[in-house]
Amino acid sequence: MNDNRRKVTDILKLLYENTDRDHCMNTYQIIDALEQMGHSRPDRKTIDSNIRFISEDLGYGIEKEKGKPNKYRWVDRMFELDELETIADAIETSGFIDSKTSSQLIAKLKDLTSVHMASLLDREVINSDRCRQHRSHCREKLNLLTIAIKTGRKIGFRLCEYDLNKKEVLSSDEFIEMTPYRLIWTANHYYIAGKTEGETDIELFRISRITDLSLKDAADTSLPAEFNVDEYAVKVFDPTAENVSNAELCCRNNTINDIIDTFGMEFDITRISDDQFIAKVYTDISPAFYAWVFRFGGDVRIIGSDNVVKGYADMLAKQR
């Protein structure tokens, strides 16, 4: 690489790493930095000419602020700071990404912005449900499952569980063969939805409980007509439950944030008084759902349907 080309490359590097919309380098700072990088000391006109070439001929978004001296900043980046912060927060709080991988990913994010903005990606966000240490091995399984779905392949696997020594053991020697349809993320876990050999219903298996995963023969992995993705996605309490149904909840106004946090925005709401409303939600009807209702101490009451009301009463009776 000739000296002029190396100089242009180093100017590009200096501006990329040290400037952004809020931070600039002036002509003399660039000259001093280039000298420290082993270049003979260039004059001001050469710097301006090089940066004009970088901006106009190479198409990089360098902004010039005329003055004595001129100032330059890199303003056109692939990601804005708020976008990088959003990604960093998602990585930092993910229960699926282990702490070591989280640090590595955020370090790579920092390479996408200036040193000034990079420091803001050291987020102070805490995940209170951060059982990460056993989940890093799931990434390889996810990659294999994605390949199976995209290329139309069956998969084979066995299921494992933990013993009282917290060691993984096989649930059984049975080897399961499945046609995978969709990966689903819910309740801080990944699941694979599909049909196993000999079964007509779609089943869900938690990825962290799958072992000995392998690709098998070709299959039709397109979604069958009877598979409702949204129906599976709203299983917020127990993704393996089969008892998904509508429920009507009579709620005090002070619970609206909890209802939205739990069920999202896709539910019907009807005001019935100044301090109460009815929420019609679609969820799995399980002990976990009943326990969720119980914790509101009467501020959320189940009023329909009849089978849901009866199920709640039966569960409370068992606790006496």
Protein backbone atom coordinates (compact mmCIF):
# COMPACT_ATOMS: atom_id res chain seq x y z
CA MET A 1 0.00 0.00 0.00
CA ASN A 2 1.51 3.34 -1.02
CA ASP A 3 1.88 6.11 1.54
CA ASN A 4 -1.00 8.25 0.27
CA ARG A 5 -3.42 5.34 0.23
CA ARG A 6 -2.34 4.35 3.75
CA LYS A 7 -2.84 7.95 4.87
CA VAL A 8 -6.39 8.04 3.50
CA THR A 9 -7.13 4.73 5.20
CA ASP A 10 -5.79 6.03 8.52
CA ILE A 11 -7.80 9.27 8.24
CA LEU A 12 -10.89 7.17 7.63
CA LYS A 13 -10.08 5.08 10.72
CA LEU A 14 -9.47 8.18 12.86
CA LEU A 15 -12.76 9.79 11.91
CA TYR A 16 -14.73 6.54 12.28
CA GLU A 17 -13.38 5.79 15.76
CA ASN A 18 -13.20 9.28 17.22
CA THR A 19 -16.02 11.35 15.74
CA ASP A 20 -19.81 11.30 15.56
CA ARG A 21 -22.63 13.83 15.41
CA ASP A 22 -21.60 15.27 18.79
CA HIS A 23 -17.81 14.90 18.57
CA CYS A 24 -15.38 16.11 15.91
CA MET A 25 -11.67 16.23 15.09
CA ASN A 26 -10.11 19.41 13.79
CA THR A 27 -7.43 19.59 11.14
CA TYR A 28 -4.55 19.87 13.60
CA GLN A 29 -5.78 16.94 15.71
CA ILE A 30 -5.85 14.80 12.57
CA ILE A 31 -2.36 15.96 11.55
CA ASP A 32 -0.97 15.18 15.03
CA ALA A 33 -2.64 11.75 15.07
CA LEU A 34 -1.29 10.87 11.62
CA GLU A 35 2.20 11.87 12.71
CA GLN A 36 1.90 9.58 15.73
CA MET A 37 0.84 6.79 13.35
CA GLY A 38 4.13 7.11 11.47
CA HIS A 39 3.19 9.47 8.63
CA SER A 40 5.27 12.45 7.65
CA ARG A 41 3.49 15.58 8.86
CA PRO A 42 0.92 16.56 6.17
CA ASP A 43 -0.23 20.12 5.56
CA ARG A 44 -3.79 21.38 6.11
CA LYS A 45 -4.74 21.45 2.43
CA THR A 46 -3.73 17.79 2.03
CA ILE A 47 -5.99 16.80 4.93
CA ASP A 48 -8.93 18.69 3.45
CA SER A 49 -8.29 17.16 0.03
CA ASN A 50 -8.07 13.64 1.48
CA ILE A 51 -11.30 14.04 3.44
CA ARG A 52 -13.09 15.47 0.42
CA PHE A 53 -12.01 12.35 -1.51
CA ILE A 54 -13.30 10.13 1.32
CA SER A 55 -16.61 11.93 1.38
CA GLU A 56 -17.31 12.68 -2.28
CA ASP A 57 -15.54 9.88 -4.15
CA LEU A 58 -15.82 7.04 -1.65
CA GLY A 59 -19.25 8.10 -0.41
CA TYR A 60 -18.66 8.10 3.35
CA GLY A 61 -20.82 10.47 5.40
CA ILE A 62 -18.21 12.91 6.64
CA GLU A 63 -19.46 16.38 7.57
CA LYS A 64 -17.14 19.40 7.35
CA GLU A 65 -17.53 22.43 9.59
CA LYS A 66 -15.55 25.33 8.16
CA GLY A 67 -13.46 27.35 10.56
CA LYS A 68 -9.95 28.04 11.74
CA PRO A 69 -9.22 25.19 11.87
CA ASN A 70 -11.82 23.12 9.99
CA LYS A 71 -13.64 20.42 11.93
CA TYR A 72 -14.79 17.04 10.65
CA ARG A 73 -17.24 14.46 11.98
CA TRP A 74 -18.57 11.09 10.81
CA VAL A 75 -22.37 11.50 10.74
CA ASP A 76 -23.68 8.73 8.49
CA ARG A 77 -23.50 5.41 10.34
CA MET A 78 -25.29 2.12 9.85
CA PHE A 79 -26.86 2.34 13.32
CA GLU A 80 -27.92 5.36 15.35
CA LEU A 81 -26.97 5.39 19.03
CA ASP A 82 -30.52 4.67 20.24
CA GLU A 83 -30.67 1.64 17.93
CA LEU A 84 -27.40 0.29 19.32
CA GLU A 85 -28.63 0.91 22.87
CA THR A 86 -31.81 -1.04 22.12
CA ILE A 87 -29.77 -3.98 20.82
CA ALA A 88 -27.40 -3.79 23.80
CA ASP A 89 -30.30 -3.82 26.26
CA ALA A 90 -31.86 -6.81 24.51
CA ILE A 91 -28.56 -8.70 24.70
CA GLU A 92 -27.85 -7.70 28.30
CA THR A 93 -31.26 -8.73 29.61
CA SER A 94 -31.70 -11.89 27.59
CA GLY A 95 -31.99 -15.00 29.70
CA PHE A 96 -30.92 -17.00 26.67
CA ILE A 97 -27.49 -15.41 26.16
CA ASP A 98 -24.84 -16.30 28.74
CA SER A 99 -22.85 -13.51 30.37
CA LYS A 100 -19.62 -14.21 28.49
CA THR A 101 -21.34 -14.17 25.10
CA SER A 102 -23.25 -11.05 26.12
CA SER A 103 -19.98 -9.21 26.81
CA GLN A 104 -18.51 -10.38 23.50
CA LEU A 105 -21.55 -9.26 21.50
CA ILE A 106 -21.67 -5.83 23.14
CA ALA A 107 -17.94 -5.40 22.49
CA LYS A 108 -18.66 -5.99 18.79
CA LEU A 109 -21.50 -3.48 18.91
CA LYS A 110 -19.05 -0.90 20.20
CA ASP A 111 -17.05 -1.29 16.99
CA LEU A 112 -20.04 0.10 15.09
CA THR A 113 -19.78 3.56 16.63
CA SER A 114 -17.28 6.09 17.97
CA VAL A 115 -15.33 5.64 21.20
CA HIS A 116 -17.47 8.35 22.77
CA MET A 117 -20.75 6.61 21.98
CA ALA A 118 -19.31 3.15 22.68
CA SER A 119 -19.01 3.97 26.38
CA LEU A 120 -22.78 4.47 26.51
CA LEU A 121 -23.29 0.85 25.49
CA ASP A 122 -22.01 -0.33 28.87
CA ARG A 123 -25.58 -0.59 30.08
CA GLU A 124 -26.74 -0.67 33.70
CA VAL A 125 -29.68 -2.95 33.03
CA ILE A 126 -30.28 -5.88 35.36
CA ASN A 127 -32.17 -9.05 34.45
CA SER A 128 -33.71 -10.50 37.61
CA ASP A 129 -34.28 -13.84 35.85
CA ARG A 130 -30.86 -14.43 34.45
CA CYS A 131 -30.26 -18.16 34.60
CA ARG A 132 -27.84 -18.02 31.72
CA GLN A 133 -25.08 -20.42 32.55
CA HIS A 134 -26.92 -23.50 31.26
CA ARG A 135 -28.26 -21.95 28.07
CA SER A 136 -25.29 -21.08 25.91
CA HIS A 137 -25.27 -24.55 24.31
CA CYS A 138 -28.77 -23.87 22.96
CA ARG A 139 -27.39 -21.59 20.24
CA GLU A 140 -26.01 -24.54 18.28
CA LYS A 141 -29.36 -26.32 18.55
CA LEU A 142 -31.18 -23.22 17.33
CA ASN A 143 -28.91 -23.01 14.29
CA LEU A 144 -29.57 -26.65 13.44
CA LEU A 145 -33.33 -26.26 13.94
CA THR A 146 -33.38 -23.18 11.71
CA ILE A 147 -31.58 -25.12 8.98
CA ALA A 148 -34.11 -27.95 9.33
CA ILE A 149 -37.09 -25.59 8.94
CA LYS A 150 -35.56 -23.60 6.08
CA THR A 151 -34.41 -26.62 4.10
CA GLY A 152 -37.41 -28.87 4.81
CA ARG A 153 -35.75 -31.58 6.93
CA LYS A 154 -37.01 -33.72 9.76
CA ILE A 155 -35.10 -33.74 13.02
CA GLY A 156 -34.30 -36.42 15.54
CA PHE A 157 -33.59 -35.93 19.24
CA ARG A 158 -33.94 -37.28 22.74
CA LEU A 159 -35.23 -35.48 25.84
CA CYS A 160 -33.29 -34.89 29.03
CA GLU A 161 -34.08 -33.59 32.51
CA TYR A 162 -32.19 -32.78 35.70
CA ASP A 163 -31.64 -35.16 38.59
CA LEU A 164 -31.27 -34.11 42.22
CA ASN A 165 -27.55 -33.56 41.67
CA LYS A 166 -28.45 -30.94 39.05
CA LYS A 167 -27.00 -33.14 36.34
CA GLU A 168 -28.63 -33.69 32.96
CA VAL A 169 -29.94 -37.22 32.47
CA LEU A 170 -32.01 -38.78 29.70
CA SER A 171 -35.76 -38.79 30.33
CA SER A 172 -35.88 -42.08 28.43
CA ASP A 173 -34.00 -43.93 25.71
CA GLU A 174 -36.73 -43.02 23.21
CA PHE A 175 -35.45 -41.28 20.08
CA ILE A 176 -38.04 -38.77 18.83
CA GLU A 177 -38.42 -37.92 15.14
CA MET A 178 -40.22 -34.68 14.33
CA THR A 179 -41.23 -32.44 11.44
CA PRO A 180 -40.38 -28.96 12.81
CA TYR A 181 -42.61 -25.97 11.95
CA ARG A 182 -41.67 -22.98 14.08
CA LEU A 183 -39.31 -21.81 16.80
CA ILE A 184 -41.19 -20.02 19.59
CA TRP A 185 -39.74 -17.78 22.30
CA THR A 186 -41.90 -17.46 25.41
CA ALA A 187 -41.49 -17.40 29.18
CA ASN A 188 -37.75 -16.81 28.69
CA HIS A 189 -37.25 -20.08 26.82
CA TYR A 190 -37.09 -21.28 23.22
CA TYR A 191 -39.44 -24.04 22.06
CA ILE A 192 -39.75 -26.01 18.84
CA ALA A 193 -43.25 -26.67 17.54
CA GLY A 194 -43.92 -29.54 15.16
CA LYS A 195 -45.41 -32.99 14.63
CA THR A 196 -43.69 -36.11 15.88
CA GLU A 197 -43.90 -39.41 14.03
CA GLY A 198 -47.22 -41.16 14.55
CA GLU A 199 -48.93 -38.15 16.17
CA THR A 200 -51.57 -35.86 14.63
CA ASP A 201 -51.38 -32.97 17.11
CA ILE A 202 -48.68 -30.33 17.10
CA GLU A 203 -46.37 -30.55 20.11
CA LEU A 204 -43.95 -28.17 21.81
CA PHE A 205 -40.55 -29.15 23.17
CA ARG A 206 -38.26 -26.87 25.12
CA ILE A 207 -34.92 -26.50 23.35
CA SER A 208 -32.90 -26.71 26.57
CA ARG A 209 -34.42 -30.15 27.23
CA ILE A 210 -33.44 -31.51 23.80
CA THR A 211 -30.23 -33.52 23.35
CA ASP A 212 -28.61 -35.60 20.60
CA LEU A 213 -30.22 -33.36 17.98
CA SER A 214 -29.64 -34.31 14.33
CA LEU A 215 -31.02 -33.64 10.85
CA LYS A 216 -33.02 -36.39 9.15
CA ASP A 217 -34.84 -36.95 5.88
CA ALA A 218 -36.61 -34.33 3.80
CA ALA A 219 -40.06 -33.27 5.02
CA ASP A 220 -42.75 -30.66 4.40
CA THR A 221 -41.96 -28.07 7.09
CA SER A 222 -44.49 -25.51 5.85
CA LEU A 223 -47.15 -24.59 8.39
CA PRO A 224 -50.24 -26.81 8.25
CA ALA A 225 -53.56 -24.98 7.91
CA GLU A 226 -54.68 -25.98 11.39
CA PHE A 227 -51.61 -24.49 13.10
CA ASN A 228 -52.38 -21.05 14.50
CA VAL A 229 -49.08 -19.33 15.34
CA ASP A 230 -50.75 -16.55 17.35
CA GLU A 231 -52.60 -19.15 19.41
CA TYR A 232 -49.30 -20.66 20.47
CA ALA A 233 -47.64 -17.30 21.01
CA VAL A 234 -50.18 -16.24 23.65
CA LYS A 235 -49.44 -19.21 25.89
CA VAL A 236 -47.83 -16.91 28.40
CA PHE A 237 -48.03 -19.15 31.44
CA ASP A 238 -47.26 -22.69 30.35
CA PRO A 239 -46.23 -23.16 26.71
CA THR A 240 -46.71 -26.92 27.01
CA ALA A 241 -50.34 -26.59 28.16
CA GLU A 242 -53.04 -27.91 25.87
CA ASN A 243 -55.97 -26.13 27.55
CA VAL A 244 -55.95 -22.80 25.72
CA SER A 245 -59.25 -20.94 26.05
CA ASN A 246 -61.00 -17.60 26.44
CA ALA A 247 -61.39 -16.15 29.92
CA GLU A 248 -63.31 -13.12 31.17
CA LEU A 249 -61.71 -11.17 33.99
CA CYS A 250 -63.40 -8.51 36.11
CA CYS A 251 -60.60 -6.12 37.03
CA ARG A 252 -60.05 -3.02 39.12
CA ASN A 253 -58.67 -0.07 37.14
CA ASN A 254 -55.38 -0.21 39.04
CA THR A 255 -54.59 -3.58 37.43
CA ILE A 256 -54.63 -2.39 33.80
CA ASN A 257 -50.83 -2.20 33.56
CA ASP A 258 -50.49 -5.79 34.81
CA ILE A 259 -53.12 -7.00 32.33
CA ILE A 260 -51.35 -5.33 29.40
CA ASP A 261 -47.92 -6.51 30.57
CA THR A 262 -49.24 -10.08 30.68
CA PHE A 263 -51.53 -10.29 27.66
CA GLY A 264 -50.26 -7.48 25.43
CA MET A 265 -52.65 -5.11 23.68
CA GLU A 266 -54.70 -7.70 21.80
CA PHE A 267 -57.64 -8.21 24.17
CA ASP A 268 -61.13 -6.76 24.43
CA ILE A 269 -61.88 -4.37 27.26
CA THR A 270 -65.27 -3.15 28.48
CA ARG A 271 -65.79 -0.54 31.19
CA ILE A 272 -68.50 -1.57 33.67
CA SER A 273 -68.08 1.14 36.33
CA ASP A 274 -65.84 4.04 37.28
CA ASP A 275 -63.29 1.70 38.85
CA GLN A 276 -63.81 -1.64 37.11
CA PHE A 277 -63.54 -3.16 33.63
CA ILE A 278 -63.92 -6.56 32.01
CA ALA A 279 -60.99 -7.98 30.05
CA LYS A 280 -61.56 -10.84 27.63
CA VAL A 281 -58.26 -12.66 27.22
CA TYR A 282 -57.06 -15.77 25.43
CA THR A 283 -54.58 -17.86 27.35
CA ASP A 284 -53.79 -21.30 28.69
CA ILE A 285 -56.05 -22.26 31.58
CA SER A 286 -53.66 -23.79 34.04
CA PRO A 287 -52.72 -23.68 37.73
CA ALA A 288 -50.16 -21.01 36.80
CA PHE A 289 -52.94 -18.83 35.36
CA TYR A 290 -55.08 -19.33 38.47
CA ALA A 291 -52.12 -18.50 40.71
CA TRP A 292 -51.59 -15.30 38.70
CA VAL A 293 -55.22 -14.28 39.31
CA PHE A 294 -55.00 -15.15 43.01
CA ARG A 295 -52.10 -12.81 43.66
CA PHE A 296 -54.29 -9.75 43.00
CA GLY A 297 -56.30 -10.45 46.17
CA GLY A 298 -59.69 -9.91 44.51
CA ASP A 299 -58.75 -7.00 42.25
CA VAL A 300 -58.86 -9.50 39.36
CA ARG A 301 -61.74 -12.00 39.40
CA ILE A 302 -62.60 -14.73 36.91
CA ILE A 303 -66.22 -14.38 35.75
CA GLY A 304 -66.20 -16.52 32.61
CA SER A 305 -66.33 -18.89 31.00
CA ASP A 306 -68.07 -21.44 33.25
CA ASN A 307 -65.34 -24.07 32.91
CA VAL A 308 -62.66 -21.52 33.84
CA VAL A 309 -64.63 -20.35 36.90
CA LYS A 310 -65.16 -23.97 37.97
CA GLY A 311 -61.48 -24.80 37.44
CA TYR A 312 -60.46 -21.92 39.69
CA ALA A 313 -62.93 -22.98 42.40
CA ASP A 314 -61.69 -26.56 42.24
CA MET A 315 -58.08 -25.50 42.60
CA LEU A 316 -58.89 -23.32 45.63
CA ALA A 317 -60.84 -26.23 47.20
CA LYS A 318 -57.78 -28.45 46.93
CA GLN A 319 -55.79 -25.99 49.03
CA ARG A 320 -58.05 -26.28 52.07
